[in-house]
């Protein structure tokens, strides 16, 4: 028998599957610094945060290339993540 692959995303992308297809507007979406966003991880490698941050709210601190630096609370700690706009969704206040 062949040994099962245990790569970085092995078994995780199944839980992150989205019924909606990824569109061009999802890839080129822009956000302002200071705006609130929701981290919705899609099973894509580019700029993907760890799946543990799926569903967390954060604030945009800066733009780095095509990605954004997002500050997310993890318990009492505040963490800065570099996330592609594919994995972000704006939150209306």
PDB file of N, CA and C in Angstrom:
ATOM      1  N   UNK A   1       0.828  -1.200   0.000  1.00  0.00           N
ATOM      2  CA  UNK A   1       0.000   0.000   0.000  1.00  0.00           C
ATOM      3  C   UNK A   1       0.867   1.255   0.000  1.00  0.00           C
ATOM      4  N   UNK A   2       0.284   2.323  -0.483  1.00  0.00           N
ATOM      5  CA  UNK A   2       0.985   3.596  -0.557  1.00  0.00           C
ATOM      6  C   UNK A   2       0.703   4.389   0.716  1.00  0.00           C
ATOM      7  N   UNK A   3       1.725   5.026   1.234  1.00  0.00           N
ATOM      8  CA  UNK A   3       1.570   5.836   2.438  1.00  0.00           C
ATOM      9  C   UNK A   3       0.852   7.136   2.096  1.00  0.00           C
ATOM     10  N   UNK A   4      -0.079   7.542   2.949  1.00  0.00           N
ATOM     11  CA  UNK A   4      -0.873   8.739   2.725  1.00  0.00           C
ATOM     12  C   UNK A   4      -0.031  10.002   2.879  1.00  0.00           C
ATOM     13  N   UNK A   5      -0.263  10.964   1.989  1.00  0.00           N
ATOM     14  CA  UNK A   5       0.430  12.241   2.064  1.00  0.00           C
ATOM     15  C   UNK A   5      -0.077  13.036   3.257  1.00  0.00           C
ATOM     16  N   UNK A   6       0.832  13.669   3.986  1.00  0.00           N
ATOM     17  CA  UNK A   6       0.453  14.510   5.118  1.00  0.00           C
ATOM     18  C   UNK A   6       1.065  15.897   4.929  1.00  0.00           C
ATOM     19  N   UNK A   7       0.683  16.545   3.846  1.00  0.00           N
ATOM     20  CA  UNK A   7       1.209  17.869   3.541  1.00  0.00           C
ATOM     21  C   UNK A   7       0.623  18.937   4.448  1.00  0.00           C
ATOM     22  N   UNK A   8       0.975  20.190   4.188  1.00  0.00           N
ATOM     23  CA  UNK A   8       0.563  21.315   5.012  1.00  0.00           C
ATOM     24  C   UNK A   8      -0.951  21.447   5.101  1.00  0.00           C
ATOM     25  N   UNK A   9      -1.641  21.277   3.992  1.00  0.00           N
ATOM     26  CA  UNK A   9      -3.092  21.470   3.964  1.00  0.00           C
ATOM     27  C   UNK A   9      -3.857  20.154   3.916  1.00  0.00           C
ATOM     28  N   UNK A  10      -3.203  19.059   4.186  1.00  0.00           N
ATOM     29  CA  UNK A  10      -3.843  17.760   4.096  1.00  0.00           C
ATOM     30  C   UNK A  10      -5.004  17.646   5.080  1.00  0.00           C
ATOM     31  N   UNK A  11      -6.201  17.469   4.567  1.00  0.00           N
ATOM     32  CA  UNK A  11      -7.381  17.308   5.409  1.00  0.00           C
ATOM     33  C   UNK A  11      -8.001  18.599   5.877  1.00  0.00           C
ATOM     34  N   UNK A  12      -7.323  19.735   5.725  1.00  0.00           N
ATOM     35  CA  UNK A  12      -7.851  21.001   6.223  1.00  0.00           C
ATOM     36  C   UNK A  12      -8.725  21.711   5.207  1.00  0.00           C
ATOM     37  N   UNK A  13      -8.385  21.612   3.930  1.00  0.00           N
ATOM     38  CA  UNK A  13      -9.145  22.349   2.932  1.00  0.00           C
ATOM     39  C   UNK A  13     -10.568  21.821   2.810  1.00  0.00           C
ATOM     40  N   UNK A  14     -10.792  20.591   3.205  1.00  0.00           N
ATOM     41  CA  UNK A  14     -12.139  20.028   3.168  1.00  0.00           C
ATOM     42  C   UNK A  14     -13.069  20.826   4.088  1.00  0.00           C
ATOM     43  N   UNK A  15     -12.551  21.297   5.227  1.00  0.00           N
ATOM     44  CA  UNK A  15     -13.361  22.054   6.175  1.00  0.00           C
ATOM     45  C   UNK A  15     -13.517  23.511   5.769  1.00  0.00           C
ATOM     46  N   UNK A  16     -12.663  23.977   4.873  1.00  0.00           N
ATOM     47  CA  UNK A  16     -12.697  25.373   4.463  1.00  0.00           C
ATOM     48  C   UNK A  16     -13.421  25.578   3.141  1.00  0.00           C
ATOM     49  N   UNK A  17     -13.956  24.541   2.561  1.00  0.00           N
ATOM     50  CA  UNK A  17     -14.588  24.655   1.251  1.00  0.00           C
ATOM     51  C   UNK A  17     -15.743  25.632   1.279  1.00  0.00           C
ATOM     52  N   UNK A  18     -15.839  26.379   0.215  1.00  0.00           N
ATOM     53  CA  UNK A  18     -16.886  27.366   0.059  1.00  0.00           C
ATOM     54  C   UNK A  18     -17.752  26.957  -1.126  1.00  0.00           C
ATOM     55  N   UNK A  19     -19.035  27.135  -1.028  1.00  0.00           N
ATOM     56  CA  UNK A  19     -19.922  26.798  -2.140  1.00  0.00           C
ATOM     57  C   UNK A  19     -19.814  27.828  -3.257  1.00  0.00           C
ATOM     58  N   UNK A  20     -19.413  29.059  -2.915  1.00  0.00           N
ATOM     59  CA  UNK A  20     -19.341  30.143  -3.877  1.00  0.00           C
ATOM     60  C   UNK A  20     -17.994  30.107  -4.601  1.00  0.00           C
ATOM     61  N   UNK A  21     -18.012  30.350  -5.891  1.00  0.00           N
ATOM     62  CA  UNK A  21     -16.771  30.364  -6.664  1.00  0.00           C
ATOM     63  C   UNK A  21     -16.016  31.661  -6.421  1.00  0.00           C
ATOM     64  N   UNK A  22     -14.726  31.602  -6.601  1.00  0.00           N
ATOM     65  CA  UNK A  22     -13.870  32.766  -6.447  1.00  0.00           C
ATOM     66  C   UNK A  22     -13.944  33.600  -7.719  1.00  0.00           C
ATOM     67  N   UNK A  23     -14.198  34.907  -7.565  1.00  0.00           N
ATOM     68  CA  UNK A  23     -14.323  35.790  -8.718  1.00  0.00           C
ATOM     69  C   UNK A  23     -13.133  36.741  -8.782  1.00  0.00           C
ATOM     70  N   UNK A  24     -13.024  37.443  -9.879  1.00  0.00           N
ATOM     71  CA  UNK A  24     -11.949  38.409 -10.055  1.00  0.00           C
ATOM     72  C   UNK A  24     -12.096  39.547  -9.058  1.00  0.00           C
ATOM     73  N   UNK A  25     -13.321  39.966  -8.772  1.00  0.00           N
ATOM     74  CA  UNK A  25     -13.525  41.058  -7.823  1.00  0.00           C
ATOM     75  C   UNK A  25     -13.086  40.672  -6.412  1.00  0.00           C
ATOM     76  N   UNK A  26     -13.111  39.370  -6.079  1.00  0.00           N
ATOM     77  CA  UNK A  26     -12.594  38.926  -4.787  1.00  0.00           C
ATOM     78  C   UNK A  26     -11.081  39.130  -4.711  1.00  0.00           C
ATOM     79  N   UNK A  27     -10.392  38.961  -5.839  1.00  0.00           N
ATOM     80  CA  UNK A  27      -8.939  39.053  -5.860  1.00  0.00           C
ATOM     81  C   UNK A  27      -8.429  40.487  -5.849  1.00  0.00           C
ATOM     82  N   UNK A  28      -9.185  41.407  -6.421  1.00  0.00           N
ATOM     83  CA  UNK A  28      -8.721  42.790  -6.536  1.00  0.00           C
ATOM     84  C   UNK A  28      -9.447  43.731  -5.575  1.00  0.00           C
ATOM     85  N   UNK A  29     -10.133  43.203  -4.610  1.00  0.00           N
ATOM     86  CA  UNK A  29     -10.863  44.016  -3.641  1.00  0.00           C
ATOM     87  C   UNK A  29      -9.885  44.863  -2.829  1.00  0.00           C
ATOM     88  N   UNK A  30     -10.272  46.118  -2.545  1.00  0.00           N
ATOM     89  CA  UNK A  30      -9.402  47.012  -1.780  1.00  0.00           C
ATOM     90  C   UNK A  30     -10.086  47.396  -0.472  1.00  0.00           C
ATOM     91  N   UNK A  31      -9.267  47.646   0.536  1.00  0.00           N
ATOM     92  CA  UNK A  31      -9.750  48.049   1.856  1.00  0.00           C
ATOM     93  C   UNK A  31      -8.958  49.264   2.319  1.00  0.00           C
ATOM     94  N   UNK A  32      -9.592  50.097   3.124  1.00  0.00           N
ATOM     95  CA  UNK A  32      -8.922  51.260   3.687  1.00  0.00           C
ATOM     96  C   UNK A  32      -8.235  50.876   4.986  1.00  0.00           C
ATOM     97  N   UNK A  33      -7.176  51.599   5.317  1.00  0.00           N
ATOM     98  CA  UNK A  33      -6.486  51.371   6.588  1.00  0.00           C
ATOM     99  C   UNK A  33      -7.427  51.755   7.721  1.00  0.00           C
ATOM    100  N   UNK A  34      -7.552  50.881   8.705  1.00  0.00           N
ATOM    101  CA  UNK A  34      -8.437  51.120   9.844  1.00  0.00           C
ATOM    102  C   UNK A  34      -9.792  50.467   9.707  1.00  0.00           C
ATOM    103  N   UNK A  35     -10.103  49.897   8.548  1.00  0.00           N
ATOM    104  CA  UNK A  35     -11.410  49.268   8.376  1.00  0.00           C
ATOM    105  C   UNK A  35     -11.426  47.878   9.011  1.00  0.00           C
ATOM    106  N   UNK A  36     -12.604  47.448   9.416  1.00  0.00           N
ATOM    107  CA  UNK A  36     -12.784  46.149  10.056  1.00  0.00           C
ATOM    108  C   UNK A  36     -13.035  45.098   8.981  1.00  0.00           C
ATOM    109  N   UNK A  37     -12.415  43.927   9.150  1.00  0.00           N
ATOM    110  CA  UNK A  37     -12.577  42.844   8.196  1.00  0.00           C
ATOM    111  C   UNK A  37     -12.800  41.534   8.937  1.00  0.00           C
ATOM    112  N   UNK A  38     -13.340  40.584   8.214  1.00  0.00           N
ATOM    113  CA  UNK A  38     -13.561  39.237   8.715  1.00  0.00           C
ATOM    114  C   UNK A  38     -12.639  38.308   7.937  1.00  0.00           C
ATOM    115  N   UNK A  39     -11.907  37.460   8.650  1.00  0.00           N
ATOM    116  CA  UNK A  39     -10.983  36.530   8.000  1.00  0.00           C
ATOM    117  C   UNK A  39     -11.762  35.271   7.625  1.00  0.00           C
ATOM    118  N   UNK A  40     -11.956  35.067   6.332  1.00  0.00           N
ATOM    119  CA  UNK A  40     -12.657  33.892   5.820  1.00  0.00           C
ATOM    120  C   UNK A  40     -11.668  33.141   4.927  1.00  0.00           C
ATOM    121  N   UNK A  41     -11.033  32.122   5.482  1.00  0.00           N
ATOM    122  CA  UNK A  41      -9.967  31.413   4.780  1.00  0.00           C
ATOM    123  C   UNK A  41     -10.558  30.563   3.665  1.00  0.00           C
ATOM    124  N   UNK A  42     -10.028  30.769   2.455  1.00  0.00           N
ATOM    125  CA  UNK A  42     -10.397  29.960   1.298  1.00  0.00           C
ATOM    126  C   UNK A  42      -9.261  28.968   1.062  1.00  0.00           C
ATOM    127  N   UNK A  43      -9.543  27.801   0.512  1.00  0.00           N
ATOM    128  CA  UNK A  43      -8.471  26.821   0.300  1.00  0.00           C
ATOM    129  C   UNK A  43      -7.571  27.176  -0.877  1.00  0.00           C
ATOM    130  N   UNK A  44      -6.853  28.266  -0.743  1.00  0.00           N
ATOM    131  CA  UNK A  44      -5.886  28.720  -1.740  1.00  0.00           C
ATOM    132  C   UNK A  44      -4.595  29.028  -1.007  1.00  0.00           C
ATOM    133  N   UNK A  45      -3.458  28.778  -1.619  1.00  0.00           N
ATOM    134  CA  UNK A  45      -2.187  28.943  -0.937  1.00  0.00           C
ATOM    135  C   UNK A  45      -1.732  30.394  -0.830  1.00  0.00           C
ATOM    136  N   UNK A  46      -2.039  31.228  -1.813  1.00  0.00           N
ATOM    137  CA  UNK A  46      -1.469  32.570  -1.838  1.00  0.00           C
ATOM    138  C   UNK A  46      -2.025  33.462  -0.732  1.00  0.00           C
ATOM    139  N   UNK A  47      -1.151  33.863   0.191  1.00  0.00           N
ATOM    140  CA  UNK A  47      -1.539  34.766   1.260  1.00  0.00           C
ATOM    141  C   UNK A  47      -2.532  34.178   2.230  1.00  0.00           C
ATOM    142  N   UNK A  48      -2.529  32.864   2.379  1.00  0.00           N
ATOM    143  CA  UNK A  48      -3.516  32.202   3.244  1.00  0.00           C
ATOM    144  C   UNK A  48      -3.049  32.192   4.691  1.00  0.00           C
ATOM    145  N   UNK A  49      -3.871  32.698   5.606  1.00  0.00           N
ATOM    146  CA  UNK A  49      -3.508  32.608   7.016  1.00  0.00           C
ATOM    147  C   UNK A  49      -3.751  31.197   7.534  1.00  0.00           C
ATOM    148  N   UNK A  50      -3.290  30.921   8.735  1.00  0.00           N
ATOM    149  CA  UNK A  50      -3.528  29.614   9.335  1.00  0.00           C
ATOM    150  C   UNK A  50      -5.032  29.413   9.523  1.00  0.00           C
ATOM    151  N   UNK A  51      -5.521  28.203   9.326  1.00  0.00           N
ATOM    152  CA  UNK A  51      -6.967  27.957   9.454  1.00  0.00           C
ATOM    153  C   UNK A  51      -7.540  28.271  10.836  1.00  0.00           C
ATOM    154  N   UNK A  52      -6.702  28.394  11.862  1.00  0.00           N
ATOM    155  CA  UNK A  52      -7.200  28.725  13.199  1.00  0.00           C
ATOM    156  C   UNK A  52      -7.786  30.137  13.266  1.00  0.00           C
ATOM    157  N   UNK A  53      -7.428  31.003  12.297  1.00  0.00           N
ATOM    158  CA  UNK A  53      -7.946  32.373  12.283  1.00  0.00           C
ATOM    159  C   UNK A  53      -9.221  32.509  11.460  1.00  0.00           C
ATOM    160  N   UNK A  54      -9.740  31.438  10.933  1.00  0.00           N
ATOM    161  CA  UNK A  54     -10.975  31.460  10.142  1.00  0.00           C
ATOM    162  C   UNK A  54     -12.138  31.943  11.002  1.00  0.00           C
ATOM    163  N   UNK A  55     -12.827  32.983  10.552  1.00  0.00           N
ATOM    164  CA  UNK A  55     -13.975  33.514  11.281  1.00  0.00           C
ATOM    165  C   UNK A  55     -13.640  34.594  12.288  1.00  0.00           C
ATOM    166  N   UNK A  56     -12.380  34.992  12.387  1.00  0.00           N
ATOM    167  CA  UNK A  56     -11.982  36.034  13.344  1.00  0.00           C
ATOM    168  C   UNK A  56     -12.131  37.411  12.717  1.00  0.00           C
ATOM    169  N   UNK A  57     -12.415  38.395  13.566  1.00  0.00           N
ATOM    170  CA  UNK A  57     -12.486  39.781  13.130  1.00  0.00           C
ATOM    171  C   UNK A  57     -11.141  40.445  13.360  1.00  0.00           C
ATOM    172  N   UNK A  58     -10.812  41.402  12.507  1.00  0.00           N
ATOM    173  CA  UNK A  58      -9.556  42.112  12.646  1.00  0.00           C
ATOM    174  C   UNK A  58      -9.643  43.508  12.065  1.00  0.00           C
ATOM    175  N   UNK A  59      -8.555  44.249  12.211  1.00  0.00           N
ATOM    176  CA  UNK A  59      -8.461  45.607  11.712  1.00  0.00           C
ATOM    177  C   UNK A  59      -7.293  45.697  10.747  1.00  0.00           C
ATOM    178  N   UNK A  60      -7.499  46.392   9.640  1.00  0.00           N
ATOM    179  CA  UNK A  60      -6.439  46.577   8.650  1.00  0.00           C
ATOM    180  C   UNK A  60      -5.477  47.640   9.173  1.00  0.00           C
ATOM    181  N   UNK A  61      -4.184  47.270   9.271  1.00  0.00           N
ATOM    182  CA  UNK A  61      -3.169  48.209   9.740  1.00  0.00           C
ATOM    183  C   UNK A  61      -2.410  48.855   8.592  1.00  0.00           C
ATOM    184  N   UNK A  62      -2.133  48.077   7.546  1.00  0.00           N
ATOM    185  CA  UNK A  62      -1.304  48.592   6.464  1.00  0.00           C
ATOM    186  C   UNK A  62      -1.467  47.695   5.243  1.00  0.00           C
ATOM    187  N   UNK A  63      -0.949  48.158   4.116  1.00  0.00           N
ATOM    188  CA  UNK A  63      -0.945  47.362   2.894  1.00  0.00           C
ATOM    189  C   UNK A  63       0.495  46.991   2.586  1.00  0.00           C
ATOM    190  N   UNK A  64       0.725  45.740   2.218  1.00  0.00           N
ATOM    191  CA  UNK A  64       2.069  45.268   1.887  1.00  0.00           C
ATOM    192  C   UNK A  64       1.996  44.532   0.564  1.00  0.00           C
ATOM    193  N   UNK A  65       2.405  45.213  -0.492  1.00  0.00           N
ATOM    194  CA  UNK A  65       2.270  44.636  -1.828  1.00  0.00           C
ATOM    195  C   UNK A  65       0.799  44.527  -2.180  1.00  0.00           C
ATOM    196  N   UNK A  66       0.349  43.334  -2.568  1.00  0.00           N
ATOM    197  CA  UNK A  66      -1.062  43.110  -2.850  1.00  0.00           C
ATOM    198  C   UNK A  66      -1.825  42.691  -1.598  1.00  0.00           C
ATOM    199  N   UNK A  67      -1.112  42.332  -0.541  1.00  0.00           N
ATOM    200  CA  UNK A  67      -1.739  41.819   0.678  1.00  0.00           C
ATOM    201  C   UNK A  67      -1.945  42.936   1.701  1.00  0.00           C
ATOM    202  N   UNK A  68      -2.622  42.582   2.791  1.00  0.00           N
ATOM    203  CA  UNK A  68      -2.895  43.522   3.872  1.00  0.00           C
ATOM    204  C   UNK A  68      -2.351  42.973   5.182  1.00  0.00           C
ATOM    205  N   UNK A  69      -1.901  43.872   6.052  1.00  0.00           N
ATOM    206  CA  UNK A  69      -1.498  43.489   7.394  1.00  0.00           C
ATOM    207  C   UNK A  69      -2.713  43.692   8.282  1.00  0.00           C
ATOM    208  N   UNK A  70      -3.185  42.607   8.880  1.00  0.00           N
ATOM    209  CA  UNK A  70      -4.404  42.618   9.681  1.00  0.00           C
ATOM    210  C   UNK A  70      -4.049  42.265  11.117  1.00  0.00           C
ATOM    211  N   UNK A  71      -4.568  43.049  12.062  1.00  0.00           N
ATOM    212  CA  UNK A  71      -4.347  42.756  13.474  1.00  0.00           C
ATOM    213  C   UNK A  71      -5.559  42.001  14.015  1.00  0.00           C
ATOM    214  N   UNK A  72      -5.295  40.822  14.589  1.00  0.00           N
ATOM    215  CA  UNK A  72      -6.347  39.933  15.096  1.00  0.00           C
ATOM    216  C   UNK A  72      -6.043  39.625  16.554  1.00  0.00           C
ATOM    217  N   UNK A  73      -7.081  39.587  17.389  1.00  0.00           N
ATOM    218  CA  UNK A  73      -6.882  39.200  18.782  1.00  0.00           C
ATOM    219  C   UNK A  73      -6.910  37.684  18.899  1.00  0.00           C
ATOM    220  N   UNK A  74      -5.919  37.138  19.604  1.00  0.00           N
ATOM    221  CA  UNK A  74      -5.838  35.705  19.858  1.00  0.00           C
ATOM    222  C   UNK A  74      -5.692  35.544  21.366  1.00  0.00           C
ATOM    223  N   UNK A  75      -6.823  35.414  22.040  1.00  0.00           N
ATOM    224  CA  UNK A  75      -6.804  35.431  23.498  1.00  0.00           C
ATOM    225  C   UNK A  75      -6.523  36.854  23.946  1.00  0.00           C
ATOM    226  N   UNK A  76      -5.469  37.032  24.743  1.00  0.00           N
ATOM    227  CA  UNK A  76      -5.074  38.382  25.162  1.00  0.00           C
ATOM    228  C   UNK A  76      -4.048  38.990  24.222  1.00  0.00           C
ATOM    229  N   UNK A  77      -3.437  38.176  23.383  1.00  0.00           N
ATOM    230  CA  UNK A  77      -2.391  38.656  22.476  1.00  0.00           C
ATOM    231  C   UNK A  77      -3.009  39.239  21.211  1.00  0.00           C
ATOM    232  N   UNK A  78      -2.339  40.230  20.672  1.00  0.00           N
ATOM    233  CA  UNK A  78      -2.725  40.790  19.384  1.00  0.00           C
ATOM    234  C   UNK A  78      -1.690  40.340  18.369  1.00  0.00           C
ATOM    235  N   UNK A  79      -2.165  39.739  17.285  1.00  0.00           N
ATOM    236  CA  UNK A  79      -1.250  39.201  16.280  1.00  0.00           C
ATOM    237  C   UNK A  79      -1.453  39.916  14.959  1.00  0.00           C
ATOM    238  N   UNK A  80      -0.349  40.097  14.246  1.00  0.00           N
ATOM    239  CA  UNK A  80      -0.390  40.740  12.931  1.00  0.00           C
ATOM    240  C   UNK A  80      -0.196  39.671  11.872  1.00  0.00           C
ATOM    241  N   UNK A  81      -1.164  39.592  10.972  1.00  0.00           N
ATOM    242  CA  UNK A  81      -1.137  38.594   9.917  1.00  0.00           C
ATOM    243  C   UNK A  81      -1.053  39.298   8.572  1.00  0.00           C
ATOM    244  N   UNK A  82      -0.304  38.721   7.650  1.00  0.00           N
ATOM    245  CA  UNK A  82      -0.242  39.235   6.284  1.00  0.00           C
ATOM    246  C   UNK A  82      -1.161  38.355   5.452  1.00  0.00           C
ATOM    247  N   UNK A  83      -2.278  38.944   4.990  1.00  0.00           N
ATOM    248  CA  UNK A  83      -3.342  38.169   4.357  1.00  0.00           C
ATOM    249  C   UNK A  83      -3.683  38.765   2.997  1.00  0.00           C
ATOM    250  N   UNK A  84      -3.865  37.902   2.025  1.00  0.00           N
ATOM    251  CA  UNK A  84      -4.308  38.300   0.699  1.00  0.00           C
ATOM    252  C   UNK A  84      -5.783  38.706   0.757  1.00  0.00           C
ATOM    253  N   UNK A  85      -6.236  39.644  -0.094  1.00  0.00           N
ATOM    254  CA  UNK A  85      -7.643  40.062  -0.053  1.00  0.00           C
ATOM    255  C   UNK A  85      -8.627  38.954  -0.418  1.00  0.00           C
ATOM    256  N   UNK A  86      -8.154  37.849  -0.979  1.00  0.00           N
ATOM    257  CA  UNK A  86      -9.046  36.721  -1.269  1.00  0.00           C
ATOM    258  C   UNK A  86      -9.657  36.183   0.030  1.00  0.00           C
ATOM    259  N   UNK A  87      -8.877  36.227   1.108  1.00  0.00           N
ATOM    260  CA  UNK A  87      -9.283  35.638   2.373  1.00  0.00           C
ATOM    261  C   UNK A  87      -9.933  36.648   3.331  1.00  0.00           C
ATOM    262  N   UNK A  88     -10.255  37.845   2.844  1.00  0.00           N
ATOM    263  CA  UNK A  88     -10.856  38.872   3.685  1.00  0.00           C
ATOM    264  C   UNK A  88     -12.242  39.238   3.184  1.00  0.00           C
ATOM    265  N   UNK A  89     -13.083  39.630   4.109  1.00  0.00           N
ATOM    266  CA  UNK A  89     -14.421  40.118   3.774  1.00  0.00           C
ATOM    267  C   UNK A  89     -14.700  41.331   4.641  1.00  0.00           C
ATOM    268  N   UNK A  90     -15.197  42.391   4.050  1.00  0.00           N
ATOM    269  CA  UNK A  90     -15.486  43.613   4.797  1.00  0.00           C
ATOM    270  C   UNK A  90     -16.647  43.436   5.757  1.00  0.00           C
ATOM    271  N   UNK A  91     -16.568  44.141   6.884  1.00  0.00           N
ATOM    272  CA  UNK A  91     -17.632  44.075   7.896  1.00  0.00           C
ATOM    273  C   UNK A  91     -18.285  45.444   7.955  1.00  0.00           C
ATOM    274  N   UNK A  92     -19.593  45.509   7.805  1.00  0.00           N
ATOM    275  CA  UNK A  92     -20.299  46.782   7.908  1.00  0.00           C
ATOM    276  C   UNK A  92     -20.521  47.109   9.372  1.00  0.00           C
ATOM    277  N   UNK A  93     -20.300  48.378   9.727  1.00  0.00           N
ATOM    278  CA  UNK A  93     -20.405  48.769  11.134  1.00  0.00           C
ATOM    279  C   UNK A  93     -21.722  49.399  11.440  1.00  0.00           C
TER     280      UNK A  93
END
